Amino acid sequence: MSESVSSIASPFEFTQGDSPLLVSMPHSGLNLTPEVAAGLTDLAAKLPDTDWFIPELYGDLADLGIGCIKANYSRYVIDLNRPYDDKPLYATKTTGLFPDILFIDEAVFQAEKTPAEAHRQACKKQIWRPYHDTIAKELARLKDKFGYAVLFDAHSIAAEVPMLFEGHLPDFNWGTNNGESCDMALPGMLTQILRPNYTQVLNGRFKGGYITRQFGQPAEGIHAIQLELSQATYLDENAAQQNEYHLDQSKLPFIQQQLREVMEGILQIRF
């Protein structure tokens, strides 16, 4: 195993809560392994497909007793919302467990600088596996304590990504794997709780990735839902077009309050 692979440490941060709700943030990480960092194109090195500032948007979940697991490594190292065997999640064009294209359909890595297979295998064992094992164990603990558990998979994406979808994305994109990952009381409540100035869709382009599909087992008392939040709700869009990512301080308090209300709403549901 190469030195860069053996240096993998602290793949995620996990804070245990005392409510039935666990929030997962698999795409907010910014860390790179040396092998990945050495091979990225200049554009990819700006990490444009990151779910920017997701931890900041959700504030201090601990205040609400909500547990949280958030990735430390970038999705360009390994995408935690893809299956271990890298089987495609969508029939349309998308990125895999080890992304080789950006959302703008350009290469992630310079020619002949893609990390070796040994590096990929190490990332699967040292980053992907511990993240998913921790979710599984925590959901089991929450179900044992409360009789059910809820997993909220928190994401964000640019409002316009022609490779993935046409037009302008709604602000809130809820995904429940077409109703299979949770009791319908969950999206029913969430779609009612949003303020009218935010647009939303349920099971549109984003129906929930691997995490939602894998862990959402409502018949077993475990409910999962994904939120793909448009970055137009909180980023400085002019800067983002130049691949610079900053919070828009005029938008931030409103989206933070709305997301807090979402969290509080979930906590009020009893399954």
C-alpha atoms as a PDB file:
ATOM      1  CA  MET A   1       0.000   0.000   0.000  1.00  0.00           C
ATOM      2  CA  SER A   2       1.391   3.398  -0.954  1.00  0.00           C
ATOM      3  CA  GLU A   3       2.239   6.058   1.593  1.00  0.00           C
ATOM      4  CA  SER A   4      -0.649   8.250   0.437  1.00  0.00           C
ATOM      5  CA  VAL A   5      -3.102   5.428   0.990  1.00  0.00           C
ATOM      6  CA  SER A   6      -1.771   4.569   4.422  1.00  0.00           C
ATOM      7  CA  SER A   7      -2.139   8.240   5.461  1.00  0.00           C
ATOM      8  CA  ILE A   8      -5.957   8.099   5.310  1.00  0.00           C
ATOM      9  CA  ALA A   9      -7.297   9.104   8.717  1.00  0.00           C
ATOM     10  CA  SER A  10     -10.496  10.441  10.282  1.00  0.00           C
ATOM     11  CA  PRO A  11     -12.761   9.700   7.317  1.00  0.00           C
ATOM     12  CA  PHE A  12     -15.717  11.433   8.965  1.00  0.00           C
ATOM     13  CA  GLU A  13     -16.981  13.227  12.048  1.00  0.00           C
ATOM     14  CA  PHE A  14     -19.793  11.613  13.992  1.00  0.00           C
ATOM     15  CA  THR A  15     -21.812  13.141  16.809  1.00  0.00           C
ATOM     16  CA  GLN A  16     -24.335  10.902  18.503  1.00  0.00           C
ATOM     17  CA  GLY A  17     -27.726  12.435  19.249  1.00  0.00           C
ATOM     18  CA  ASP A  18     -30.543  11.671  21.655  1.00  0.00           C
ATOM     19  CA  SER A  19     -33.457  11.827  19.209  1.00  0.00           C
ATOM     20  CA  PRO A  20     -34.653   9.351  16.546  1.00  0.00           C
ATOM     21  CA  LEU A  21     -33.125  11.503  13.785  1.00  0.00           C
ATOM     22  CA  LEU A  22     -29.675  11.116  12.219  1.00  0.00           C
ATOM     23  CA  VAL A  23     -28.406  13.556   9.568  1.00  0.00           C
ATOM     24  CA  SER A  24     -25.868  12.366   7.002  1.00  0.00           C
ATOM     25  CA  MET A  25     -23.650  14.747   4.997  1.00  0.00           C
ATOM     26  CA  PRO A  26     -21.694  12.565   2.562  1.00  0.00           C
ATOM     27  CA  HIS A  27     -20.592  15.217   0.037  1.00  0.00           C
ATOM     28  CA  SER A  28     -19.500  18.174   2.165  1.00  0.00           C
ATOM     29  CA  GLY A  29     -15.931  16.941   2.724  1.00  0.00           C
ATOM     30  CA  LEU A  30     -12.962  18.877   1.355  1.00  0.00           C
ATOM     31  CA  ASN A  31      -9.977  16.687   2.243  1.00  0.00           C
ATOM     32  CA  LEU A  32      -7.954  14.955  -0.464  1.00  0.00           C
ATOM     33  CA  THR A  33      -5.531  12.078  -0.354  1.00  0.00           C
ATOM     34  CA  PRO A  34      -2.093  12.906  -1.807  1.00  0.00           C
ATOM     35  CA  GLU A  35      -2.688  10.659  -4.822  1.00  0.00           C
ATOM     36  CA  VAL A  36      -5.969  12.349  -5.692  1.00  0.00           C
ATOM     37  CA  ALA A  37      -4.609  15.859  -5.108  1.00  0.00           C
ATOM     38  CA  ALA A  38      -1.658  15.187  -7.405  1.00  0.00           C
ATOM     39  CA  GLY A  39      -3.850  14.116 -10.295  1.00  0.00           C
ATOM     40  CA  LEU A  40      -6.706  16.631 -10.347  1.00  0.00           C
ATOM     41  CA  THR A  41      -7.128  19.072 -13.204  1.00  0.00           C
ATOM     42  CA  ASP A  42      -6.901  22.748 -12.312  1.00  0.00           C
ATOM     43  CA  LEU A  43     -10.680  23.050 -12.393  1.00  0.00           C
ATOM     44  CA  ALA A  44     -11.305  19.895 -10.372  1.00  0.00           C
ATOM     45  CA  ALA A  45      -8.857  21.159  -7.737  1.00  0.00           C
ATOM     46  CA  LYS A  46     -11.444  23.841  -6.930  1.00  0.00           C
ATOM     47  CA  LEU A  47     -13.804  20.979  -5.921  1.00  0.00           C
ATOM     48  CA  PRO A  48     -16.751  22.445  -7.856  1.00  0.00           C
ATOM     49  CA  ASP A  49     -19.124  19.521  -7.210  1.00  0.00           C
ATOM     50  CA  THR A  50     -18.876  19.772  -3.431  1.00  0.00           C
ATOM     51  CA  ASP A  51     -22.049  20.148  -1.379  1.00  0.00           C
ATOM     52  CA  TRP A  52     -20.745  23.469  -0.149  1.00  0.00           C
ATOM     53  CA  PHE A  53     -21.300  24.617   3.448  1.00  0.00           C
ATOM     54  CA  ILE A  54     -23.846  21.944   4.312  1.00  0.00           C
ATOM     55  CA  PRO A  55     -22.690  21.734   7.966  1.00  0.00           C
ATOM     56  CA  GLU A  56     -23.025  25.501   8.319  1.00  0.00           C
ATOM     57  CA  LEU A  57     -26.530  25.495   6.851  1.00  0.00           C
ATOM     58  CA  TYR A  58     -27.833  23.025   9.408  1.00  0.00           C
ATOM     59  CA  GLY A  59     -26.312  24.871  12.345  1.00  0.00           C
ATOM     60  CA  ASP A  60     -25.843  23.144  15.668  1.00  0.00           C
ATOM     61  CA  LEU A  61     -27.948  20.030  15.314  1.00  0.00           C
ATOM     62  CA  ALA A  62     -26.850  19.013  18.793  1.00  0.00           C
ATOM     63  CA  ASP A  63     -29.109  21.768  20.171  1.00  0.00           C
ATOM     64  CA  LEU A  64     -32.051  19.733  18.888  1.00  0.00           C
ATOM     65  CA  GLY A  65     -30.604  16.428  20.050  1.00  0.00           C
ATOM     66  CA  ILE A  66     -29.972  15.365  16.465  1.00  0.00           C
ATOM     67  CA  GLY A  67     -27.041  13.129  15.604  1.00  0.00           C
ATOM     68  CA  CYS A  68     -24.861  13.909  12.601  1.00  0.00           C
ATOM     69  CA  ILE A  69     -22.294  12.134  10.460  1.00  0.00           C
ATOM     70  CA  LYS A  70     -20.371  14.241   7.963  1.00  0.00           C
ATOM     71  CA  ALA A  71     -17.664  13.204   5.539  1.00  0.00           C
ATOM     72  CA  ASN A  72     -14.190  14.691   5.750  1.00  0.00           C
ATOM     73  CA  TYR A  73     -12.995  13.578   2.307  1.00  0.00           C
ATOM     74  CA  SER A  74     -14.096  15.003  -1.015  1.00  0.00           C
ATOM     75  CA  ARG A  75     -16.338  12.999  -3.315  1.00  0.00           C
ATOM     76  CA  TYR A  76     -13.413  13.039  -5.777  1.00  0.00           C
ATOM     77  CA  VAL A  77     -11.614  10.671  -3.400  1.00  0.00           C
ATOM     78  CA  ILE A  78     -14.676   8.420  -3.100  1.00  0.00           C
ATOM     79  CA  ASP A  79     -18.386   9.108  -3.421  1.00  0.00           C
ATOM     80  CA  LEU A  80     -20.109   7.884  -0.277  1.00  0.00           C
ATOM     81  CA  ASN A  81     -23.530   8.085  -1.906  1.00  0.00           C
ATOM     82  CA  ARG A  82     -22.733   5.380  -4.455  1.00  0.00           C
ATOM     83  CA  PRO A  83     -22.829   1.596  -3.913  1.00  0.00           C
ATOM     84  CA  TYR A  84     -19.694  -0.295  -2.952  1.00  0.00           C
ATOM     85  CA  ASP A  85     -19.839  -2.256  -6.212  1.00  0.00           C
ATOM     86  CA  ASP A  86     -20.332   0.968  -8.217  1.00  0.00           C
ATOM     87  CA  LYS A  87     -23.475  -0.221  -9.987  1.00  0.00           C
ATOM     88  CA  PRO A  88     -25.199   2.743 -11.703  1.00  0.00           C
ATOM     89  CA  LEU A  89     -27.992   4.415  -9.734  1.00  0.00           C
ATOM     90  CA  TYR A  90     -29.512   6.238 -12.689  1.00  0.00           C
ATOM     91  CA  ALA A  91     -30.161   5.408 -16.326  1.00  0.00           C
ATOM     92  CA  THR A  92     -29.172   8.962 -17.246  1.00  0.00           C
ATOM     93  CA  LYS A  93     -25.601  10.254 -17.220  1.00  0.00           C
ATOM     94  CA  THR A  94     -24.146  10.604 -13.742  1.00  0.00           C
ATOM     95  CA  THR A  95     -20.959  10.104 -11.745  1.00  0.00           C
ATOM     96  CA  GLY A  96     -19.843   6.930 -10.000  1.00  0.00           C
ATOM     97  CA  LEU A  97     -18.092   5.718  -6.867  1.00  0.00           C
ATOM     98  CA  PHE A  98     -14.835   7.189  -8.173  1.00  0.00           C
ATOM     99  CA  PRO A  99     -15.872  10.168 -10.306  1.00  0.00           C
ATOM    100  CA  ASP A 100     -13.907  10.636 -13.510  1.00  0.00           C
ATOM    101  CA  ILE A 101     -15.991  13.525 -14.866  1.00  0.00           C
ATOM    102  CA  LEU A 102     -17.161  16.770 -13.329  1.00  0.00           C
ATOM    103  CA  PHE A 103     -20.790  17.827 -13.441  1.00  0.00           C
ATOM    104  CA  ILE A 104     -19.842  20.007 -16.425  1.00  0.00           C
ATOM    105  CA  ASP A 105     -18.735  16.830 -18.247  1.00  0.00           C
ATOM    106  CA  GLU A 106     -15.014  17.579 -18.102  1.00  0.00           C
ATOM    107  CA  ALA A 107     -12.296  15.310 -16.747  1.00  0.00           C
ATOM    108  CA  VAL A 108     -11.615  15.153 -13.011  1.00  0.00           C
ATOM    109  CA  PHE A 109      -8.053  13.888 -13.484  1.00  0.00           C
ATOM    110  CA  GLN A 110      -5.190  14.842 -15.734  1.00  0.00           C
ATOM    111  CA  ALA A 111      -4.196  12.317 -18.374  1.00  0.00           C
ATOM    112  CA  GLU A 112      -2.602   9.208 -16.851  1.00  0.00           C
ATOM    113  CA  LYS A 113      -2.907  10.602 -13.313  1.00  0.00           C
ATOM    114  CA  THR A 114      -5.961   8.697 -12.149  1.00  0.00           C
ATOM    115  CA  PRO A 115      -5.261   7.065  -8.757  1.00  0.00           C
ATOM    116  CA  ALA A 116      -4.255   3.417  -8.897  1.00  0.00           C
ATOM    117  CA  GLU A 117      -6.599   0.535  -8.090  1.00  0.00           C
ATOM    118  CA  ALA A 118      -4.785  -0.108  -4.792  1.00  0.00           C
ATOM    119  CA  HIS A 119      -5.639   3.437  -3.721  1.00  0.00           C
ATOM    120  CA  ARG A 120      -9.285   2.957  -4.656  1.00  0.00           C
ATOM    121  CA  GLN A 121      -9.544  -0.273  -2.710  1.00  0.00           C
ATOM    122  CA  ALA A 122      -8.019   1.389   0.337  1.00  0.00           C
ATOM    123  CA  CYS A 123     -10.526   4.244   0.104  1.00  0.00           C
ATOM    124  CA  LYS A 124     -13.384   1.770  -0.045  1.00  0.00           C
ATOM    125  CA  LYS A 125     -12.134  -0.007   3.081  1.00  0.00           C
ATOM    126  CA  GLN A 126     -10.953   3.010   5.072  1.00  0.00           C
ATOM    127  CA  ILE A 127     -13.514   5.684   4.102  1.00  0.00           C
ATOM    128  CA  TRP A 128     -16.646   4.178   2.508  1.00  0.00           C
ATOM    129  CA  ARG A 129     -17.018   1.127   4.743  1.00  0.00           C
ATOM    130  CA  PRO A 130     -16.603   2.903   8.114  1.00  0.00           C
ATOM    131  CA  TYR A 131     -19.038   5.650   7.093  1.00  0.00           C
ATOM    132  CA  HIS A 132     -21.753   3.195   6.146  1.00  0.00           C
ATOM    133  CA  ASP A 133     -21.094   0.889   9.079  1.00  0.00           C
ATOM    134  CA  THR A 134     -21.481   3.833  11.448  1.00  0.00           C
ATOM    135  CA  ILE A 135     -24.814   4.813   9.899  1.00  0.00           C
ATOM    136  CA  ALA A 136     -26.073   1.233  10.138  1.00  0.00           C
ATOM    137  CA  LYS A 137     -25.058   0.869  13.778  1.00  0.00           C
ATOM    138  CA  GLU A 138     -26.482   4.226  14.797  1.00  0.00           C
ATOM    139  CA  LEU A 139     -29.809   3.629  13.060  1.00  0.00           C
ATOM    140  CA  ALA A 140     -30.049   0.270  14.796  1.00  0.00           C
ATOM    141  CA  ARG A 141     -29.347   1.954  18.140  1.00  0.00           C
ATOM    142  CA  LEU A 142     -31.955   4.642  17.517  1.00  0.00           C
ATOM    143  CA  LYS A 143     -34.555   2.108  16.462  1.00  0.00           C
ATOM    144  CA  ASP A 144     -33.882   0.041  19.563  1.00  0.00           C
ATOM    145  CA  LYS A 145     -34.248   3.113  21.771  1.00  0.00           C
ATOM    146  CA  PHE A 146     -37.192   4.876  20.126  1.00  0.00           C
ATOM    147  CA  GLY A 147     -38.913   2.112  18.193  1.00  0.00           C
ATOM    148  CA  TYR A 148     -38.021   3.718  14.859  1.00  0.00           C
ATOM    149  CA  ALA A 149     -35.263   5.820  13.286  1.00  0.00           C
ATOM    150  CA  VAL A 150     -35.121   8.536  10.617  1.00  0.00           C
ATOM    151  CA  LEU A 151     -32.156   9.195   8.335  1.00  0.00           C
ATOM    152  CA  PHE A 152     -31.981  12.587   6.627  1.00  0.00           C
ATOM    153  CA  ASP A 153     -29.390  12.653   3.841  1.00  0.00           C
ATOM    154  CA  ALA A 154     -28.367  16.287   3.297  1.00  0.00           C
ATOM    155  CA  HIS A 155     -27.052  17.422  -0.089  1.00  0.00           C
ATOM    156  CA  SER A 156     -26.824  20.485  -2.297  1.00  0.00           C
ATOM    157  CA  ILE A 157     -26.127  21.175  -5.957  1.00  0.00           C
ATOM    158  CA  ALA A 158     -25.923  24.057  -8.398  1.00  0.00           C
ATOM    159  CA  ALA A 159     -29.280  25.236  -9.697  1.00  0.00           C
ATOM    160  CA  GLU A 160     -28.281  24.523 -13.290  1.00  0.00           C
ATOM    161  CA  VAL A 161     -26.326  21.411 -14.290  1.00  0.00           C
ATOM    162  CA  PRO A 162     -27.095  20.628 -17.951  1.00  0.00           C
ATOM    163  CA  MET A 163     -25.324  17.260 -17.840  1.00  0.00           C
ATOM    164  CA  LEU A 164     -27.700  16.043 -15.126  1.00  0.00           C
ATOM    165  CA  PHE A 165     -30.985  17.860 -15.772  1.00  0.00           C
ATOM    166  CA  GLU A 166     -32.626  20.463 -17.978  1.00  0.00           C
ATOM    167  CA  GLY A 167     -33.482  23.945 -16.859  1.00  0.00           C
ATOM    168  CA  HIS A 168     -33.415  25.425 -13.367  1.00  0.00           C
ATOM    169  CA  LEU A 169     -33.690  23.135 -10.360  1.00  0.00           C
ATOM    170  CA  PRO A 170     -36.355  23.798  -7.700  1.00  0.00           C
ATOM    171  CA  ASP A 171     -35.016  25.021  -4.360  1.00  0.00           C
ATOM    172  CA  PHE A 172     -35.880  21.880  -2.383  1.00  0.00           C
ATOM    173  CA  ASN A 173     -35.636  18.498  -4.096  1.00  0.00           C
ATOM    174  CA  TRP A 174     -36.976  15.734  -1.863  1.00  0.00           C
ATOM    175  CA  GLY A 175     -36.148  12.116  -2.663  1.00  0.00           C
ATOM    176  CA  THR A 176     -37.766   9.005  -1.203  1.00  0.00           C
ATOM    177  CA  ASN A 177     -36.919   6.466  -3.915  1.00  0.00           C
ATOM    178  CA  ASN A 178     -40.426   6.981  -5.289  1.00  0.00           C
ATOM    179  CA  GLY A 179     -41.986   6.419  -1.873  1.00  0.00           C
ATOM    180  CA  GLU A 180     -40.088   3.256  -1.002  1.00  0.00           C
ATOM    181  CA  SER A 181     -37.592   4.647   1.537  1.00  0.00           C
ATOM    182  CA  CYS A 182     -39.970   6.060   4.163  1.00  0.00           C
ATOM    183  CA  ASP A 183     -43.510   6.343   5.426  1.00  0.00           C
ATOM    184  CA  MET A 184     -45.332   8.928   3.309  1.00  0.00           C
ATOM    185  CA  ALA A 185     -46.088  10.935   6.448  1.00  0.00           C
ATOM    186  CA  LEU A 186     -42.504  12.189   6.262  1.00  0.00           C
ATOM    187  CA  PRO A 187     -42.547  13.846   2.817  1.00  0.00           C
ATOM    188  CA  GLY A 188     -46.168  14.784   3.429  1.00  0.00           C
ATOM    189  CA  MET A 189     -45.151  16.897   6.395  1.00  0.00           C
ATOM    190  CA  LEU A 190     -41.995  18.293   4.800  1.00  0.00           C
ATOM    191  CA  THR A 191     -43.710  19.466   1.633  1.00  0.00           C
ATOM    192  CA  GLN A 192     -46.186  21.384   3.817  1.00  0.00           C
ATOM    193  CA  ILE A 193     -43.640  22.984   6.102  1.00  0.00           C
ATOM    194  CA  LEU A 194     -41.752  25.009   3.482  1.00  0.00           C
ATOM    195  CA  ARG A 195     -42.388  28.726   3.218  1.00  0.00           C
ATOM    196  CA  PRO A 196     -44.040  29.784  -0.057  1.00  0.00           C
ATOM    197  CA  ASN A 197     -40.973  31.660  -1.282  1.00  0.00           C
ATOM    198  CA  TYR A 198     -39.140  28.338  -1.771  1.00  0.00           C
ATOM    199  CA  THR A 199     -39.988  26.019  -4.661  1.00  0.00           C
ATOM    200  CA  GLN A 200     -39.903  22.248  -4.254  1.00  0.00           C
ATOM    201  CA  VAL A 201     -40.451  18.881  -5.900  1.00  0.00           C
ATOM    202  CA  LEU A 202     -40.801  15.333  -4.593  1.00  0.00           C
ATOM    203  CA  ASN A 203     -38.993  12.553  -6.462  1.00  0.00           C
ATOM    204  CA  GLY A 204     -38.071  14.721  -9.423  1.00  0.00           C
ATOM    205  CA  ARG A 205     -34.597  14.411 -10.942  1.00  0.00           C
ATOM    206  CA  PHE A 206     -33.229  13.444  -7.526  1.00  0.00           C
ATOM    207  CA  LYS A 207     -35.093  10.526  -5.980  1.00  0.00           C
ATOM    208  CA  GLY A 208     -32.497   9.658  -3.349  1.00  0.00           C
ATOM    209  CA  GLY A 209     -29.066   8.166  -3.836  1.00  0.00           C
ATOM    210  CA  TYR A 210     -27.551   4.989  -2.485  1.00  0.00           C
ATOM    211  CA  ILE A 211     -27.707   6.027   1.172  1.00  0.00           C
ATOM    212  CA  THR A 212     -31.431   6.750   1.025  1.00  0.00           C
ATOM    213  CA  ARG A 213     -32.181   3.592  -0.936  1.00  0.00           C
ATOM    214  CA  GLN A 214     -29.980   1.330   1.158  1.00  0.00           C
ATOM    215  CA  PHE A 215     -31.016   2.435   4.632  1.00  0.00           C
ATOM    216  CA  GLY A 216     -34.632   3.417   4.052  1.00  0.00           C
ATOM    217  CA  GLN A 217     -36.600   0.359   5.165  1.00  0.00           C
ATOM    218  CA  PRO A 218     -39.926   1.672   6.463  1.00  0.00           C
ATOM    219  CA  ALA A 219     -41.335  -1.821   7.004  1.00  0.00           C
ATOM    220  CA  GLU A 220     -38.450  -2.345   9.433  1.00  0.00           C
ATOM    221  CA  GLY A 221     -39.002   0.984  11.206  1.00  0.00           C
ATOM    222  CA  ILE A 222     -36.178   2.892   9.501  1.00  0.00           C
ATOM    223  CA  HIS A 223     -37.202   5.854   7.345  1.00  0.00           C
ATOM    224  CA  ALA A 224     -34.852   7.721   5.002  1.00  0.00           C
ATOM    225  CA  ILE A 225     -35.242  10.840   2.884  1.00  0.00           C
ATOM    226  CA  GLN A 226     -32.788  12.856   0.821  1.00  0.00           C
ATOM    227  CA  LEU A 227     -32.797  16.608   0.359  1.00  0.00           C
ATOM    228  CA  GLU A 228     -30.952  17.984  -2.658  1.00  0.00           C
ATOM    229  CA  LEU A 229     -30.936  21.693  -1.896  1.00  0.00           C
ATOM    230  CA  SER A 230     -30.357  24.172  -4.696  1.00  0.00           C
ATOM    231  CA  GLN A 231     -27.223  26.190  -3.990  1.00  0.00           C
ATOM    232  CA  ALA A 232     -29.071  29.219  -5.334  1.00  0.00           C
ATOM    233  CA  THR A 233     -30.766  29.337  -1.930  1.00  0.00           C
ATOM    234  CA  TYR A 234     -27.571  30.211  -0.090  1.00  0.00           C
ATOM    235  CA  LEU A 235     -24.485  30.761  -2.279  1.00  0.00           C
ATOM    236  CA  ASP A 236     -23.193  33.942  -3.874  1.00  0.00           C
ATOM    237  CA  GLU A 237     -24.174  32.868  -7.398  1.00  0.00           C
ATOM    238  CA  ASN A 238     -21.949  35.360  -9.205  1.00  0.00           C
ATOM    239  CA  ALA A 239     -18.898  34.032  -7.365  1.00  0.00           C
ATOM    240  CA  ALA A 240     -19.965  30.420  -7.934  1.00  0.00           C
ATOM    241  CA  GLN A 241     -20.010  30.998 -11.679  1.00  0.00           C
ATOM    242  CA  GLN A 242     -16.305  31.800 -11.330  1.00  0.00           C
ATOM    243  CA  ASN A 243     -15.726  28.658  -9.264  1.00  0.00           C
ATOM    244  CA  GLU A 244     -15.427  30.628  -6.059  1.00  0.00           C
ATOM    245  CA  TYR A 245     -17.742  29.510  -3.289  1.00  0.00           C
ATOM    246  CA  HIS A 246     -19.019  31.896  -0.632  1.00  0.00           C
ATOM    247  CA  LEU A 247     -22.108  32.055   1.500  1.00  0.00           C
ATOM    248  CA  ASP A 248     -24.545  34.813   0.586  1.00  0.00           C
ATOM    249  CA  GLN A 249     -25.065  36.462   3.951  1.00  0.00           C
ATOM    250  CA  SER A 250     -28.372  37.970   2.836  1.00  0.00           C
ATOM    251  CA  LYS A 251     -29.791  34.494   2.097  1.00  0.00           C
ATOM    252  CA  LEU A 252     -28.131  32.550   4.889  1.00  0.00           C
ATOM    253  CA  PRO A 253     -30.377  33.314   7.900  1.00  0.00           C
ATOM    254  CA  PHE A 254     -33.513  32.479   5.928  1.00  0.00           C
ATOM    255  CA  ILE A 255     -32.334  29.101   4.698  1.00  0.00           C
ATOM    256  CA  GLN A 256     -30.899  28.249   8.117  1.00  0.00           C
ATOM    257  CA  GLN A 257     -34.241  29.019   9.752  1.00  0.00           C
ATOM    258  CA  GLN A 258     -36.127  27.007   7.151  1.00  0.00           C
ATOM    259  CA  LEU A 259     -33.851  24.004   7.617  1.00  0.00           C
ATOM    260  CA  ARG A 260     -34.202  24.246  11.390  1.00  0.00           C
ATOM    261  CA  GLU A 261     -37.974  24.153  10.941  1.00  0.00           C
ATOM    262  CA  VAL A 262     -37.532  21.065   8.755  1.00  0.00           C
ATOM    263  CA  MET A 263     -35.529  19.350  11.477  1.00  0.00           C
ATOM    264  CA  GLU A 264     -38.030  20.340  14.156  1.00  0.00           C
ATOM    265  CA  GLY A 265     -40.865  19.081  11.991  1.00  0.00           C
ATOM    266  CA  ILE A 266     -39.285  15.665  11.577  1.00  0.00           C
ATOM    267  CA  LEU A 267     -38.840  15.382  15.319  1.00  0.00           C
ATOM    268  CA  GLN A 268     -42.579  15.922  15.815  1.00  0.00           C
ATOM    269  CA  ILE A 269     -43.553  12.922  13.682  1.00  0.00           C
ATOM    270  CA  ARG A 270     -44.142   9.592  15.414  1.00  0.00           C
ATOM    271  CA  PHE A 271     -43.977   6.481  13.286  1.00  0.00           C
END
